[in-house]
Amino acid sequence: MSAMNNTTITLEDFFSECYLQYYDIIKRYITFRIDNSYEAEDLVQDAFVRLWEHRAFVNKETVRPLLFTIEIGRAVQQECRDR
């Protein structure tokens, strides 16, 4: 995985950075959608696991849209279960 300034970062480092950058944003969004912060935490953790499982398609430009796509679908499913 190539990075900025002629340095190379590992895939694990890239995902760690993504986790740090997007965890709170995704969790707030999901908590807003399902109004349950504990379930939101679980859903966000699952989103990062799914992201890792699809890491062949993940890069700097796709990580945020992929996370939101995964989580929007999961939040809608959770909302339907809660009704």
C-alpha atoms as a PDB file:
ATOM      1  CA  MET A   1       0.000   0.000   0.000  1.00  0.00           C
ATOM      2  CA  SER A   2       1.625   3.228  -1.036  1.00  0.00           C
ATOM      3  CA  ALA A   3       1.370   6.325   1.051  1.00  0.00           C
ATOM      4  CA  MET A   4       2.335   9.956   0.972  1.00  0.00           C
ATOM      5  CA  ASN A   5       5.842  11.456   0.821  1.00  0.00           C
ATOM      6  CA  ASN A   6       7.639   8.410  -0.614  1.00  0.00           C
ATOM      7  CA  THR A   7       6.912   6.276   2.431  1.00  0.00           C
ATOM      8  CA  THR A   8       5.070   3.014   2.560  1.00  0.00           C
ATOM      9  CA  ILE A   9       2.483   2.130   5.155  1.00  0.00           C
ATOM     10  CA  THR A  10       1.195  -1.324   5.885  1.00  0.00           C
ATOM     11  CA  LEU A  11      -2.377  -2.335   5.307  1.00  0.00           C
ATOM     12  CA  GLU A  12      -2.809  -2.637   9.059  1.00  0.00           C
ATOM     13  CA  ASP A  13      -1.558   0.935   9.556  1.00  0.00           C
ATOM     14  CA  PHE A  14      -3.938   2.168   6.876  1.00  0.00           C
ATOM     15  CA  PHE A  15      -6.894   0.481   8.585  1.00  0.00           C
ATOM     16  CA  SER A  16      -5.816   1.778  11.981  1.00  0.00           C
ATOM     17  CA  GLU A  17      -5.804   5.299  10.581  1.00  0.00           C
ATOM     18  CA  CYS A  18      -9.235   4.742   9.028  1.00  0.00           C
ATOM     19  CA  TYR A  19     -10.573   3.425  12.317  1.00  0.00           C
ATOM     20  CA  LEU A  20      -9.288   6.445  14.208  1.00  0.00           C
ATOM     21  CA  GLN A  21     -10.573   8.852  11.592  1.00  0.00           C
ATOM     22  CA  TYR A  22     -14.051   7.403  10.992  1.00  0.00           C
ATOM     23  CA  TYR A  23     -15.131   5.504  14.114  1.00  0.00           C
ATOM     24  CA  ASP A  24     -16.722   8.474  15.912  1.00  0.00           C
ATOM     25  CA  ILE A  25     -18.362   9.852  12.773  1.00  0.00           C
ATOM     26  CA  ILE A  26     -19.957   6.519  11.902  1.00  0.00           C
ATOM     27  CA  LYS A  27     -20.976   5.826  15.501  1.00  0.00           C
ATOM     28  CA  ARG A  28     -22.702   9.210  15.841  1.00  0.00           C
ATOM     29  CA  TYR A  29     -24.572   8.640  12.600  1.00  0.00           C
ATOM     30  CA  ILE A  30     -25.763   5.169  13.599  1.00  0.00           C
ATOM     31  CA  THR A  31     -26.672   6.276  17.125  1.00  0.00           C
ATOM     32  CA  PHE A  32     -28.791   9.027  15.576  1.00  0.00           C
ATOM     33  CA  ARG A  33     -30.507   6.505  13.278  1.00  0.00           C
ATOM     34  CA  ILE A  34     -31.249   3.792  15.843  1.00  0.00           C
ATOM     35  CA  ASP A  35     -31.153   5.773  19.106  1.00  0.00           C
ATOM     36  CA  ASN A  36     -29.127   3.141  20.937  1.00  0.00           C
ATOM     37  CA  SER A  37     -25.440   3.832  21.500  1.00  0.00           C
ATOM     38  CA  TYR A  38     -24.619   0.269  22.612  1.00  0.00           C
ATOM     39  CA  GLU A  39     -26.069  -1.285  19.472  1.00  0.00           C
ATOM     40  CA  ALA A  40     -24.452   1.473  17.423  1.00  0.00           C
ATOM     41  CA  GLU A  41     -21.056   0.482  18.838  1.00  0.00           C
ATOM     42  CA  ASP A  42     -21.624  -3.121  17.786  1.00  0.00           C
ATOM     43  CA  LEU A  43     -22.722  -2.058  14.315  1.00  0.00           C
ATOM     44  CA  VAL A  44     -19.681   0.154  13.847  1.00  0.00           C
ATOM     45  CA  GLN A  45     -17.351  -2.634  14.943  1.00  0.00           C
ATOM     46  CA  ASP A  46     -19.068  -4.932  12.438  1.00  0.00           C
ATOM     47  CA  ALA A  47     -18.640  -2.296   9.723  1.00  0.00           C
ATOM     48  CA  PHE A  48     -14.886  -2.260  10.236  1.00  0.00           C
ATOM     49  CA  VAL A  49     -14.777  -6.060  10.176  1.00  0.00           C
ATOM     50  CA  ARG A  50     -16.705  -6.025   6.887  1.00  0.00           C
ATOM     51  CA  LEU A  51     -14.407  -3.337   5.562  1.00  0.00           C
ATOM     52  CA  TRP A  52     -11.420  -5.521   6.405  1.00  0.00           C
ATOM     53  CA  GLU A  53     -13.071  -8.494   4.686  1.00  0.00           C
ATOM     54  CA  HIS A  54     -13.412  -6.369   1.532  1.00  0.00           C
ATOM     55  CA  ARG A  55      -9.993  -4.760   1.828  1.00  0.00           C
ATOM     56  CA  ALA A  56      -9.167  -5.584  -1.794  1.00  0.00           C
ATOM     57  CA  PHE A  57     -11.614  -2.844  -2.795  1.00  0.00           C
ATOM     58  CA  VAL A  58     -10.612  -0.308  -0.161  1.00  0.00           C
ATOM     59  CA  ASN A  59      -8.352   2.643  -0.737  1.00  0.00           C
ATOM     60  CA  LYS A  60      -8.069   6.199   0.489  1.00  0.00           C
ATOM     61  CA  GLU A  61     -10.855   7.381  -1.825  1.00  0.00           C
ATOM     62  CA  THR A  62     -13.301   4.532  -1.182  1.00  0.00           C
ATOM     63  CA  VAL A  63     -13.025   3.938   2.561  1.00  0.00           C
ATOM     64  CA  ARG A  64     -15.518   6.579   3.729  1.00  0.00           C
ATOM     65  CA  PRO A  65     -18.215   5.805   1.131  1.00  0.00           C
ATOM     66  CA  LEU A  66     -17.846   2.082   1.803  1.00  0.00           C
ATOM     67  CA  LEU A  67     -18.216   2.547   5.553  1.00  0.00           C
ATOM     68  CA  PHE A  68     -21.323   4.676   5.141  1.00  0.00           C
ATOM     69  CA  THR A  69     -22.810   2.261   2.604  1.00  0.00           C
ATOM     70  CA  ILE A  70     -22.264  -0.658   4.966  1.00  0.00           C
ATOM     71  CA  GLU A  71     -23.670   1.212   7.942  1.00  0.00           C
ATOM     72  CA  ILE A  72     -26.668   2.772   6.248  1.00  0.00           C
ATOM     73  CA  GLY A  73     -27.815  -0.690   5.239  1.00  0.00           C
ATOM     74  CA  ARG A  74     -27.206  -2.071   8.714  1.00  0.00           C
ATOM     75  CA  ALA A  75     -28.981   0.864  10.388  1.00  0.00           C
ATOM     76  CA  VAL A  76     -32.033   0.440   8.174  1.00  0.00           C
ATOM     77  CA  GLN A  77     -32.125  -3.283   9.010  1.00  0.00           C
ATOM     78  CA  GLN A  78     -31.867  -2.475  12.715  1.00  0.00           C
ATOM     79  CA  GLU A  79     -34.622   0.142  12.477  1.00  0.00           C
ATOM     80  CA  CYS A  80     -36.911  -2.394  10.814  1.00  0.00           C
ATOM     81  CA  ARG A  81     -36.206  -4.976  13.540  1.00  0.00           C
ATOM     82  CA  ASP A  82     -36.938  -2.436  16.265  1.00  0.00           C
ATOM     83  CA  ARG A  83     -40.377  -1.567  14.887  1.00  0.00           C
END
